[in-house]
Amino acid sequence: MILSIDASNLLLGGGIKHLRFLLQNIEHSNFEKIIVYGPAKLLAVLPESSKVDLREIPEKTSSIVCRGWWQATKLSEYVRLEGGVLFVPGGAYLGNYRPFVTMFRNMQVFETVELNREGLSKEWLRLKILQTVQAKTFQNSSGLICLSEYAQSHLQQFYPNLLKTVELRRIPHGISQLEENCRDYVLKSPIQLLYVSTVKQYKHQWHLIDAVAQLKRQGYSIELHLVGAGDTSALRKMQEAIDRHDDLEAFVHYHDGLPYTEIFDWYQRADLFAYPSSCENLPNILLEAMSSALPIACSDRGPMPEVLRDAGCYFNPEQPKSIAASLKMLLDDKTLRQRLGRKALEYSHKYTWERCAQETFSFLQSVHQRHCS
């Protein structure tokens, strides 16, 4: 059995991390050979194995148009020569090779309300084009991997025509379990509230800032630490929220994008974690906060309740008063912080990369057997 993997459009950390951990758990695979097509920078961080054949592709495929042409012509030709099944974890493939399996990763592309938050902008147009390409990809695939029950149900409810001949399989990503620390859940002064996320329209950093300002005015000694790079328009909106509260002593600290080791330090340093995103497929950052045993105030949208279950205080991410109320519950009750933090840690343990790799290879092998035998 031969497995080819198109890694040409794995440009972000999450997709690269997923592929790296799949290959690190290659013992769960029965494929005789796994061929990975990707740019040199990506191939350089992948683990080596006698079963894995890493093949460099031209740098020009970093362009969306060039990448689409390369997939439709060269990639299809290469895979046809090898045979077997093609895996496209990036979610976009318009070539004619069959069978192939792909993944549903970007929730905003298929949630109309969240997509329209971008307004009439270049980002909105980019997402609409991506929606068209991914819809065609899903429709043509032999198998589609969804990361959460929420994401799978959303496609089944709103895009059933894309799934008529497609086998669905829900396989959550794993996380690298963080070192467990012995939290005493006693709040420092000032209290350290953390939110790790890219700054985008559906991430609602500005509503969180307004919520924390309300708590400051009620007398709480609290600092908000925001970690993550972002879009220009969303960063501007975040700065406007900070400026709204310039009558208060500076309480918002923006750290931009940080290396993972520094983000890890922030998970350990924080007292509380907030997650006001309204659009996710599978929120890996939320899982990382859970694995840090942090008490979490969390958005009640999307798959967040599916992941965090009864281990968080939920709020409406578009209502600062709701966010403030959930945070206040955690601030005022040490027993609640301790119970929710420990329960979140327990729930995070089921999201392992070993399980993800085992289930992914099993699904790819079953597709190979049905279509290539």
Protein backbone atom coordinates (compact mmCIF):
# COMPACT_ATOMS: atom_id res chain seq x y z
CA MET A 1 0.00 0.00 0.00
CA ILE A 2 1.23 3.48 -0.97
CA LEU A 3 0.15 6.73 0.70
CA SER A 4 0.96 10.10 -0.90
CA ILE A 5 0.52 13.28 1.15
CA ASP A 6 0.09 16.71 -0.44
CA ALA A 7 1.69 19.14 2.01
CA SER A 8 1.98 21.98 -0.52
CA ASN A 9 -0.48 24.25 1.30
CA LEU A 10 0.39 23.49 4.92
CA LEU A 11 1.53 27.03 5.61
CA LEU A 12 0.49 27.48 9.25
CA GLY A 13 1.64 25.93 12.50
CA GLY A 14 -1.42 23.75 13.09
CA GLY A 15 -1.23 21.90 9.79
CA ILE A 16 2.53 21.41 10.06
CA LYS A 17 2.24 20.16 13.62
CA HIS A 18 -0.48 17.69 12.60
CA LEU A 19 1.65 16.22 9.81
CA ARG A 20 4.75 16.06 11.99
CA PHE A 21 2.98 14.11 14.71
CA LEU A 22 1.35 11.77 12.20
CA LEU A 23 4.79 10.83 10.90
CA GLN A 24 6.19 10.52 14.43
CA ASN A 25 3.53 7.86 15.06
CA ILE A 26 4.16 5.97 11.83
CA GLU A 27 4.21 2.64 13.70
CA HIS A 28 0.40 2.80 13.55
CA SER A 29 0.54 2.71 9.74
CA ASN A 30 0.45 -0.38 7.53
CA PHE A 31 1.50 1.55 4.43
CA GLU A 32 4.64 0.20 2.79
CA LYS A 33 5.70 3.70 1.73
CA ILE A 34 4.54 7.24 2.53
CA ILE A 35 5.50 9.97 0.06
CA VAL A 36 5.27 13.58 1.25
CA TYR A 37 5.27 16.40 -1.33
CA GLY A 38 6.11 19.77 0.21
CA PRO A 39 8.37 22.84 0.15
CA ALA A 40 11.90 22.53 1.50
CA LYS A 41 11.18 24.50 4.70
CA LEU A 42 8.37 22.14 5.63
CA LEU A 43 10.25 18.95 4.78
CA ALA A 44 13.16 20.10 6.97
CA VAL A 45 11.04 19.87 10.15
CA LEU A 46 9.48 16.48 9.43
CA PRO A 47 10.80 13.34 11.14
CA GLU A 48 12.86 10.96 9.03
CA SER A 49 11.95 7.29 8.56
CA SER A 50 12.86 4.49 6.20
CA LYS A 51 9.17 4.35 5.26
CA VAL A 52 8.92 8.05 4.40
CA ASP A 53 10.03 9.54 1.08
CA LEU A 54 10.23 13.36 1.29
CA ARG A 55 9.96 15.06 -2.11
CA GLU A 56 10.65 18.78 -2.49
CA ILE A 57 8.31 20.85 -4.67
CA PRO A 58 9.05 24.22 -6.35
CA GLU A 59 9.00 27.32 -4.15
CA LYS A 60 6.58 29.02 -6.54
CA THR A 61 3.76 26.82 -5.21
CA SER A 62 3.51 29.24 -2.28
CA SER A 63 1.25 31.28 -4.61
CA ILE A 64 -2.37 30.09 -4.53
CA VAL A 65 -2.69 30.12 -8.32
CA CYS A 66 0.63 28.33 -8.89
CA ARG A 67 -0.16 25.81 -6.17
CA GLY A 68 -3.53 24.99 -7.78
CA TRP A 69 -1.90 24.49 -11.15
CA TRP A 70 0.83 22.30 -9.63
CA GLN A 71 -1.75 20.15 -7.80
CA ALA A 72 -3.91 19.71 -10.90
CA THR A 73 -1.03 18.79 -13.20
CA LYS A 74 2.24 17.70 -11.64
CA LEU A 75 0.93 16.25 -8.36
CA SER A 76 -1.79 14.23 -10.07
CA GLU A 77 0.80 12.88 -12.49
CA TYR A 78 3.25 11.94 -9.72
CA VAL A 79 0.63 10.16 -7.62
CA ARG A 80 -0.76 8.30 -10.62
CA LEU A 81 2.70 6.85 -11.27
CA GLU A 82 2.94 5.62 -7.66
CA GLY A 83 -0.68 4.51 -7.24
CA GLY A 84 -2.36 4.18 -3.86
CA VAL A 85 -4.36 6.80 -1.97
CA LEU A 86 -3.71 10.56 -1.81
CA PHE A 87 -4.15 12.48 1.46
CA VAL A 88 -4.75 16.24 1.18
CA PRO A 89 -4.81 17.58 4.78
CA GLY A 90 -4.93 21.20 3.55
CA GLY A 91 -8.53 20.80 2.31
CA ALA A 92 -8.04 22.06 -1.26
CA TYR A 93 -7.41 19.82 -4.30
CA LEU A 94 -8.81 20.25 -7.82
CA GLY A 95 -6.71 17.57 -9.52
CA ASN A 96 -8.21 14.48 -11.14
CA TYR A 97 -6.45 11.74 -9.18
CA ARG A 98 -8.73 9.34 -7.30
CA PRO A 99 -9.09 8.22 -4.57
CA PHE A 100 -8.14 11.03 -2.22
CA VAL A 101 -9.00 11.90 1.36
CA THR A 102 -9.08 15.47 2.67
CA MET A 103 -9.79 17.39 5.88
CA PHE A 104 -12.25 20.07 7.00
CA ARG A 105 -10.19 22.54 9.05
CA ASN A 106 -11.30 26.14 8.46
CA MET A 107 -14.72 26.66 10.05
CA GLN A 108 -15.06 30.32 9.05
CA VAL A 109 -15.15 29.36 5.38
CA PHE A 110 -18.46 27.53 5.85
CA GLU A 111 -20.14 29.57 8.60
CA THR A 112 -21.90 32.41 6.81
CA VAL A 113 -22.31 34.70 9.82
CA GLU A 114 -18.64 34.37 10.75
CA LEU A 115 -17.45 34.81 7.17
CA ASN A 116 -19.52 37.98 6.78
CA ARG A 117 -17.82 39.57 9.81
CA GLU A 118 -15.04 40.41 7.35
CA GLY A 119 -17.31 42.81 5.44
CA LEU A 120 -16.60 43.56 1.78
CA SER A 121 -12.85 43.13 1.99
CA LYS A 122 -9.97 41.22 0.44
CA GLU A 123 -10.20 38.73 3.29
CA TRP A 124 -13.91 38.15 2.59
CA LEU A 125 -13.15 37.57 -1.09
CA ARG A 126 -10.30 35.20 -0.22
CA LEU A 127 -12.58 33.17 2.03
CA LYS A 128 -15.34 33.01 -0.60
CA ILE A 129 -12.87 31.69 -3.17
CA LEU A 130 -11.61 29.19 -0.63
CA GLN A 131 -15.19 28.13 0.08
CA THR A 132 -15.74 27.36 -3.61
CA VAL A 133 -12.48 25.41 -3.88
CA GLN A 134 -13.00 23.45 -0.66
CA ALA A 135 -16.64 22.68 -1.50
CA LYS A 136 -15.52 21.13 -4.79
CA THR A 137 -12.72 19.28 -3.01
CA PHE A 138 -15.07 17.79 -0.41
CA GLN A 139 -17.56 16.79 -3.09
CA ASN A 140 -14.92 14.95 -5.15
CA SER A 141 -13.21 13.22 -2.24
CA SER A 142 -13.56 9.59 -1.23
CA GLY A 143 -13.20 10.46 2.45
CA LEU A 144 -13.48 13.59 4.58
CA ILE A 145 -12.02 13.97 8.07
CA CYS A 146 -13.80 16.36 10.45
CA LEU A 147 -12.14 17.48 13.66
CA SER A 148 -15.23 17.81 15.86
CA GLU A 149 -18.83 16.68 16.10
CA TYR A 150 -19.87 20.31 15.72
CA ALA A 151 -18.02 20.70 12.42
CA GLN A 152 -19.36 17.43 11.02
CA SER A 153 -22.95 18.26 11.99
CA HIS A 154 -22.64 21.73 10.46
CA LEU A 155 -21.66 20.29 7.07
CA GLN A 156 -24.38 17.64 7.22
CA GLN A 157 -27.03 20.24 8.05
CA PHE A 158 -26.08 23.11 5.74
CA TYR A 159 -24.05 21.48 2.94
CA PRO A 160 -25.53 17.98 2.48
CA ASN A 161 -25.04 18.09 -1.31
CA LEU A 162 -21.27 18.06 -0.79
CA LEU A 163 -21.41 14.79 1.13
CA LYS A 164 -23.63 12.52 -0.96
CA THR A 165 -20.82 10.14 -1.97
CA VAL A 166 -18.29 10.99 0.74
CA GLU A 167 -17.45 8.89 3.77
CA LEU A 168 -17.13 11.07 6.86
CA ARG A 169 -14.89 10.30 9.80
CA ARG A 170 -14.47 12.40 12.95
CA ILE A 171 -10.85 12.39 14.13
CA PRO A 172 -9.85 15.13 16.59
CA HIS A 173 -6.31 16.44 16.59
CA GLY A 174 -4.11 15.74 19.56
CA ILE A 175 -2.16 18.15 21.71
CA SER A 176 1.25 17.98 23.27
CA GLN A 177 0.39 17.56 26.94
CA LEU A 178 1.97 20.34 28.95
CA GLU A 179 3.89 19.61 32.09
CA GLU A 180 1.40 19.40 34.94
CA ASN A 181 2.03 21.96 37.62
CA CYS A 182 0.67 21.98 41.14
CA ARG A 183 -1.58 25.01 41.01
CA ASP A 184 -2.79 26.28 44.34
CA TYR A 185 -5.48 28.41 42.64
CA VAL A 186 -4.70 31.31 44.96
CA LEU A 187 -4.93 34.52 42.91
CA LYS A 188 -1.93 36.82 42.65
CA SER A 189 -2.11 40.60 42.68
CA PRO A 190 -2.53 41.74 40.05
CA ILE A 191 -4.49 38.73 38.74
CA GLN A 192 -3.08 37.43 35.44
CA LEU A 193 -5.77 36.74 32.82
CA LEU A 194 -4.54 35.16 29.58
CA TYR A 195 -6.01 34.89 26.07
CA VAL A 196 -3.87 33.20 23.39
CA SER A 197 -5.26 33.59 19.89
CA THR A 198 -4.75 35.23 16.54
CA VAL A 199 -6.46 38.63 16.40
CA LYS A 200 -9.34 38.22 13.96
CA GLN A 201 -12.90 39.46 13.68
CA TYR A 202 -14.38 36.32 15.24
CA LYS A 203 -11.89 36.21 18.12
CA HIS A 204 -13.49 39.19 19.94
CA GLN A 205 -10.47 40.52 21.84
CA TRP A 206 -12.23 43.91 22.07
CA HIS A 207 -15.23 42.45 23.93
CA LEU A 208 -12.87 40.79 26.39
CA ILE A 209 -11.07 44.10 26.93
CA ASP A 210 -14.40 45.82 27.66
CA ALA A 211 -15.31 43.02 30.09
CA VAL A 212 -12.04 43.29 31.99
CA ALA A 213 -12.47 47.07 32.15
CA GLN A 214 -15.82 46.50 33.86
CA LEU A 215 -14.11 44.31 36.46
CA LYS A 216 -11.39 46.92 36.96
CA ARG A 217 -14.06 49.52 37.69
CA GLN A 218 -15.56 47.14 40.24
CA GLY A 219 -12.25 47.12 42.09
CA TYR A 220 -10.58 43.94 40.85
CA SER A 221 -6.80 44.12 40.44
CA ILE A 222 -6.45 42.33 37.12
CA GLU A 223 -4.22 42.39 34.03
CA LEU A 224 -5.18 41.03 30.62
CA HIS A 225 -2.41 39.46 28.54
CA LEU A 226 -3.15 38.94 24.84
CA VAL A 227 -0.83 36.71 22.80
CA GLY A 228 -1.07 36.28 19.03
CA ALA A 229 -0.46 38.09 15.74
CA GLY A 230 -3.42 39.30 13.74
CA ASP A 231 -5.13 40.98 10.80
CA THR A 232 -4.69 44.73 10.36
CA SER A 233 -8.39 45.59 10.69
CA ALA A 234 -8.84 43.40 13.76
CA LEU A 235 -5.70 44.80 15.41
CA ARG A 236 -7.06 48.31 14.83
CA LYS A 237 -10.35 47.30 16.46
CA MET A 238 -8.46 45.87 19.43
CA GLN A 239 -6.44 49.07 19.85
CA GLU A 240 -9.63 51.14 19.77
CA ALA A 241 -10.95 49.05 22.66
CA ILE A 242 -7.75 49.65 24.63
CA ASP A 243 -8.02 53.40 23.95
CA ARG A 244 -11.63 53.43 25.18
CA HIS A 245 -10.39 52.75 28.68
CA ASP A 246 -7.44 55.13 28.87
CA ASP A 247 -8.93 56.56 32.07
CA LEU A 248 -7.89 53.31 33.78
CA GLU A 249 -4.35 52.42 34.69
CA ALA A 250 -2.92 50.37 31.79
CA PHE A 251 -4.23 46.83 32.21
CA VAL A 252 -4.00 45.33 28.69
CA HIS A 253 -0.65 43.91 27.59
CA TYR A 254 -0.38 42.80 23.96
CA HIS A 255 2.51 40.44 23.23
CA ASP A 256 1.96 39.82 19.49
CA GLY A 257 3.06 36.40 18.21
CA LEU A 258 5.41 34.50 20.52
CA PRO A 259 7.43 31.28 20.12
CA TYR A 260 5.67 28.25 21.57
CA THR A 261 8.13 27.97 24.46
CA GLU A 262 7.19 31.48 25.59
CA ILE A 263 3.48 30.75 25.20
CA PHE A 264 4.03 27.67 27.37
CA ASP A 265 5.53 29.94 30.04
CA TRP A 266 2.42 32.13 29.92
CA TYR A 267 0.15 29.11 30.45
CA GLN A 268 2.13 28.35 33.60
CA ARG A 269 2.20 31.97 34.78
CA ALA A 270 -1.50 32.79 34.28
CA ASP A 271 -4.19 32.60 36.96
CA LEU A 272 -7.17 32.42 34.60
CA PHE A 273 -7.79 31.82 30.91
CA ALA A 274 -10.47 33.39 28.69
CA TYR A 275 -11.55 32.09 25.29
CA PRO A 276 -14.10 34.40 23.59
CA SER A 277 -13.85 33.00 20.04
CA SER A 278 -17.15 32.44 18.25
CA CYS A 279 -15.86 30.27 15.38
CA GLU A 280 -13.67 27.17 15.64
CA ASN A 281 -13.41 23.72 14.12
CA LEU A 282 -11.39 22.23 16.97
CA PRO A 283 -9.89 24.83 19.36
CA ASN A 284 -6.38 23.54 20.03
CA ILE A 285 -5.48 26.60 22.11
CA LEU A 286 -8.41 25.88 24.39
CA LEU A 287 -7.13 22.31 24.73
CA GLU A 288 -3.68 23.61 25.66
CA ALA A 289 -5.19 25.82 28.36
CA MET A 290 -7.13 22.80 29.63
CA SER A 291 -3.97 20.71 29.76
CA SER A 292 -2.43 23.47 31.90
CA ALA A 293 -5.22 22.98 34.46
CA LEU A 294 -6.24 26.62 34.11
CA PRO A 295 -9.68 27.79 35.25
CA ILE A 296 -11.39 28.83 32.01
CA ALA A 297 -14.13 31.32 31.11
CA CYS A 298 -15.25 30.28 27.65
CA SER A 299 -17.43 31.18 24.68
CA ASP A 300 -20.65 29.19 24.43
CA ARG A 301 -20.42 29.03 20.60
CA GLY A 302 -19.25 26.35 18.18
CA PRO A 303 -17.49 23.24 19.48
CA MET A 304 -16.30 24.86 22.71
CA PRO A 305 -18.94 23.19 24.95
CA GLU A 306 -18.23 19.89 23.17
CA VAL A 307 -14.55 20.13 24.12
CA LEU A 308 -14.63 21.83 27.53
CA ARG A 309 -17.90 20.19 28.63
CA ASP A 310 -18.71 21.06 32.26
CA ALA A 311 -15.19 22.30 33.05
CA GLY A 312 -15.72 25.99 32.28
CA CYS A 313 -17.83 29.08 32.93
CA TYR A 314 -19.61 29.94 29.68
CA PHE A 315 -20.56 33.32 28.23
CA ASN A 316 -21.86 35.06 25.12
CA PRO A 317 -18.63 36.17 23.38
CA GLU A 318 -20.29 39.26 21.90
CA GLN A 319 -21.58 40.60 25.24
CA PRO A 320 -18.94 42.11 27.56
CA LYS A 321 -21.37 41.94 30.49
CA SER A 322 -21.74 38.19 29.97
CA ILE A 323 -17.96 37.74 29.74
CA ALA A 324 -17.43 39.81 32.89
CA ALA A 325 -20.05 37.79 34.79
CA SER A 326 -18.30 34.49 33.97
CA LEU A 327 -14.90 35.86 34.92
CA LYS A 328 -16.34 37.22 38.18
CA MET A 329 -17.56 33.75 39.11
CA LEU A 330 -14.02 32.44 38.80
CA LEU A 331 -12.48 35.43 40.54
CA ASP A 332 -14.76 35.10 43.56
CA ASP A 333 -14.61 31.35 44.16
CA LYS A 334 -11.36 29.48 44.74
CA THR A 335 -13.17 26.14 45.09
CA LEU A 336 -14.77 26.66 41.68
CA ARG A 337 -11.42 27.55 40.11
CA GLN A 338 -9.85 24.43 41.54
CA ARG A 339 -12.69 22.11 40.52
CA LEU A 340 -12.95 23.41 36.95
CA GLY A 341 -9.18 23.56 36.42
CA ARG A 342 -8.64 19.97 37.49
CA LYS A 343 -11.61 18.73 35.49
CA ALA A 344 -10.35 20.57 32.37
CA LEU A 345 -6.98 18.87 32.77
CA GLU A 346 -8.67 15.48 33.01
CA TYR A 347 -10.73 16.08 29.85
CA SER A 348 -7.66 17.19 27.88
CA HIS A 349 -6.02 13.79 28.31
CA LYS A 350 -8.20 12.13 25.66
CA TYR A 351 -6.77 14.38 22.91
CA THR A 352 -3.54 12.58 22.08
CA TRP A 353 -1.49 12.61 18.89
CA GLU A 354 -1.08 8.85 19.13
CA ARG A 355 -4.83 8.36 18.98
CA CYS A 356 -5.13 10.90 16.14
CA ALA A 357 -2.43 9.10 14.11
CA GLN A 358 -3.88 5.66 14.74
CA GLU A 359 -7.39 6.67 13.64
CA THR A 360 -6.13 8.69 10.65
CA PHE A 361 -3.97 5.88 9.27
CA SER A 362 -6.80 3.39 9.87
CA PHE A 363 -9.21 5.54 7.85
CA LEU A 364 -6.73 6.09 5.02
CA GLN A 365 -6.03 2.35 4.88
CA SER A 366 -9.75 1.54 4.69
CA VAL A 367 -10.17 3.98 1.79
CA HIS A 368 -7.16 2.44 0.06
CA GLN A 369 -8.59 -1.06 0.43
CA ARG A 370 -11.98 -0.08 -0.95
CA HIS A 371 -10.74 1.86 -3.96
CA CYS A 372 -7.28 0.50 -4.81
CA SER A 373 -7.65 -3.26 -4.33
